[in-house]
Amino acid sequence: MQYLIDGHNLIGKLPDINLDDPNDEAKLVQKLIGFSARTKNRCTVVFDHGIPGGVSRMSNRNVKVIFSSTNSNADKVMIDRIYKQKNPKDWFVVSGDNEVLSVARRRRIQVLTSSQFVDLLQRPAPLDKPDVDEAVDVHLTEDEVDEWMTLFTKKPKKKK
């Protein structure tokens, strides 16, 4: 899955990042990088009024960071991207803006409010459990057990 996220809207819902912080965007991007690594999902986060507008150098392979130009805003950029999606079923839109969410629903894109996405961001990584087919055969023969016992019960030689 891929997520299209209204960055400043999401920051406003996070308990540990403040919109007044001059590094709020960078802090959110770091959280999204961790989320992306944990979930194997890609994110595109859109912020209002960057100078210059466009794709930011904060972007990496899994998290694309976009700033709207000074004559636009994140909502307009997101709506434009929603209309251009060729595979809407592969996307989630994260926003608190009713118009953005409504356009996404009309395009059959799954939506999450920013508050709902905060819950996803704060979830711990799932524990990896091996599939039954990948389980290791732990049955040892009596000779193997004896060999291991010999290896691990030897007392170290005293130095002269």
Protein backbone atom coordinates (compact mmCIF):
# COMPACT_ATOMS: atom_id res chain seq x y z
CA MET A 1 0.00 0.00 0.00
CA GLN A 2 0.93 3.60 -0.45
CA TYR A 3 -0.10 6.55 1.68
CA LEU A 4 -0.76 10.13 0.55
CA ILE A 5 -0.51 12.24 3.70
CA ASP A 6 -1.37 15.83 4.59
CA GLY A 7 1.77 16.58 6.59
CA HIS A 8 0.80 19.63 8.64
CA ASN A 9 -2.62 18.16 9.37
CA LEU A 10 -0.95 15.02 10.72
CA ILE A 11 1.59 17.00 12.78
CA GLY A 12 -1.34 18.78 14.45
CA LYS A 13 -2.55 15.40 15.76
CA LEU A 14 0.79 14.05 16.97
CA PRO A 15 1.47 14.33 20.69
CA ASP A 16 5.24 14.71 20.33
CA ILE A 17 5.61 17.19 17.44
CA ASN A 18 4.38 20.78 17.52
CA LEU A 19 3.48 22.87 14.48
CA ASP A 20 5.44 25.77 16.02
CA ASP A 21 8.65 23.72 15.95
CA PRO A 22 10.89 24.91 13.09
CA ASN A 23 11.87 21.26 12.49
CA ASP A 24 8.35 19.83 12.58
CA GLU A 25 8.42 18.65 8.96
CA ALA A 26 11.78 16.89 9.36
CA LYS A 27 10.60 15.19 12.56
CA LEU A 28 7.47 13.91 10.81
CA VAL A 29 9.52 12.66 7.86
CA GLN A 30 11.72 10.67 10.28
CA LYS A 31 8.61 9.08 11.80
CA LEU A 32 7.33 8.20 8.31
CA ILE A 33 10.68 6.67 7.37
CA GLY A 34 10.41 4.42 10.43
CA PHE A 35 6.79 3.58 9.61
CA SER A 36 7.71 2.75 6.03
CA ALA A 37 10.59 0.52 7.11
CA ARG A 38 8.38 -1.28 9.64
CA THR A 39 5.37 -1.79 7.36
CA LYS A 40 7.07 -1.99 3.94
CA ASN A 41 4.63 0.68 2.68
CA ARG A 42 5.54 3.84 0.79
CA CYS A 43 4.44 7.32 1.79
CA THR A 44 4.05 10.62 0.01
CA VAL A 45 3.71 13.50 2.45
CA VAL A 46 2.59 16.92 1.27
CA PHE A 47 3.29 20.11 3.23
CA ASP A 48 1.98 23.63 2.67
CA HIS A 49 4.09 26.43 1.23
CA GLY A 50 7.64 25.32 0.76
CA ILE A 51 10.27 27.51 -0.80
CA PRO A 52 10.76 26.32 -3.42
CA GLY A 53 7.72 24.14 -3.96
CA GLY A 54 8.10 20.61 -5.27
CA VAL A 55 9.87 17.45 -4.20
CA SER A 56 12.17 17.99 -1.22
CA ARG A 57 15.68 16.66 -0.61
CA MET A 58 14.25 15.07 2.56
CA SER A 59 12.75 12.41 0.28
CA ASN A 60 14.16 8.91 0.10
CA ARG A 61 13.24 5.73 -1.74
CA ASN A 62 10.17 5.01 0.44
CA VAL A 63 9.08 8.45 1.60
CA LYS A 64 8.52 11.22 -0.92
CA VAL A 65 8.31 14.73 0.57
CA ILE A 66 6.51 17.44 -1.40
CA PHE A 67 5.99 21.10 -0.56
CA SER A 68 3.20 23.01 -2.28
CA SER A 69 4.25 26.20 -3.99
CA THR A 70 3.45 29.53 -2.36
CA ASN A 71 0.44 30.03 -4.66
CA SER A 72 -1.09 26.64 -3.76
CA ASN A 73 -1.58 24.49 -0.67
CA ALA A 74 -1.27 20.85 0.40
CA ASP A 75 -5.00 20.17 -0.11
CA LYS A 76 -4.86 21.28 -3.75
CA VAL A 77 -1.72 19.21 -4.39
CA MET A 78 -3.33 16.16 -2.78
CA ILE A 79 -6.59 16.51 -4.71
CA ASP A 80 -4.64 16.83 -7.96
CA ARG A 81 -2.67 13.65 -7.12
CA ILE A 82 -5.85 11.80 -6.13
CA TYR A 83 -7.40 12.50 -9.54
CA LYS A 84 -4.24 11.33 -11.31
CA GLN A 85 -3.96 7.98 -9.50
CA LYS A 86 -4.02 5.11 -11.98
CA ASN A 87 -4.42 2.43 -9.26
CA PRO A 88 -6.61 4.02 -6.58
CA LYS A 89 -7.08 0.71 -4.74
CA ASP A 90 -3.36 0.70 -3.90
CA TRP A 91 -3.59 3.96 -1.93
CA PHE A 92 -4.71 5.40 1.39
CA VAL A 93 -5.31 9.12 1.78
CA VAL A 94 -4.55 10.58 5.22
CA SER A 95 -6.06 13.97 5.97
CA GLY A 96 -8.43 15.83 8.23
CA ASP A 97 -9.78 17.93 5.37
CA ASN A 98 -13.31 16.87 4.42
CA GLU A 99 -12.94 17.91 0.78
CA VAL A 100 -9.74 15.87 0.34
CA LEU A 101 -11.32 12.82 2.00
CA SER A 102 -14.49 13.19 -0.07
CA VAL A 103 -12.56 13.34 -3.37
CA ALA A 104 -10.57 10.26 -2.32
CA ARG A 105 -13.76 8.34 -1.49
CA ARG A 106 -15.27 9.23 -4.87
CA ARG A 107 -12.16 7.79 -6.53
CA ARG A 108 -12.53 4.67 -4.35
CA ILE A 109 -9.33 5.39 -2.46
CA GLN A 110 -9.29 4.22 1.13
CA VAL A 111 -9.18 7.07 3.65
CA LEU A 112 -7.87 7.54 7.16
CA THR A 113 -8.24 10.61 9.31
CA SER A 114 -5.00 11.99 10.65
CA SER A 115 -6.00 10.78 14.14
CA GLN A 116 -6.46 7.24 12.84
CA PHE A 117 -3.06 7.34 11.16
CA VAL A 118 -1.42 8.50 14.41
CA ASP A 119 -2.52 5.16 15.88
CA LEU A 120 -0.77 3.33 13.02
CA LEU A 121 2.40 5.37 13.48
CA GLN A 122 2.57 4.51 17.16
CA ARG A 123 2.01 0.76 16.82
CA PRO A 124 5.04 -1.38 17.56
CA ALA A 125 6.49 -3.55 14.84
CA PRO A 126 4.90 -7.01 14.68
CA LEU A 127 7.02 -9.89 15.87
CA ASP A 128 8.16 -12.06 13.01
CA LYS A 129 7.04 -15.63 13.44
CA PRO A 130 8.45 -18.30 11.14
CA ASP A 131 5.98 -20.14 8.99
CA VAL A 132 5.43 -23.80 9.82
CA ASP A 133 7.24 -24.73 6.62
CA GLU A 134 10.26 -22.69 7.69
CA ALA A 135 10.52 -24.19 11.18
CA VAL A 136 13.90 -25.69 11.99
CA ASP A 137 14.11 -29.42 12.69
CA VAL A 138 15.38 -29.56 16.27
CA HIS A 139 15.38 -33.34 16.65
CA LEU A 140 18.88 -34.51 17.47
CA THR A 141 20.22 -38.02 17.53
CA GLU A 142 21.79 -39.38 20.71
CA ASP A 143 25.23 -39.12 19.09
CA GLU A 144 24.62 -35.44 18.24
CA VAL A 145 23.56 -34.71 21.80
CA ASP A 146 26.67 -36.46 23.13
CA GLU A 147 28.86 -34.44 20.75
CA TRP A 148 27.29 -31.16 21.89
CA MET A 149 27.61 -32.12 25.54
CA THR A 150 31.27 -32.91 25.03
CA LEU A 151 31.88 -29.58 23.29
CA PHE A 152 30.11 -27.45 25.86
CA THR A 153 31.03 -29.23 29.07
CA LYS A 154 34.78 -29.32 28.57
CA LYS A 155 36.66 -27.43 31.22
CA PRO A 156 39.22 -24.95 29.92
CA LYS A 157 42.85 -26.02 30.15
CA LYS A 158 44.82 -24.31 32.87
CA LYS A 159 47.62 -22.04 31.69
CA LYS A 160 51.09 -22.99 32.85
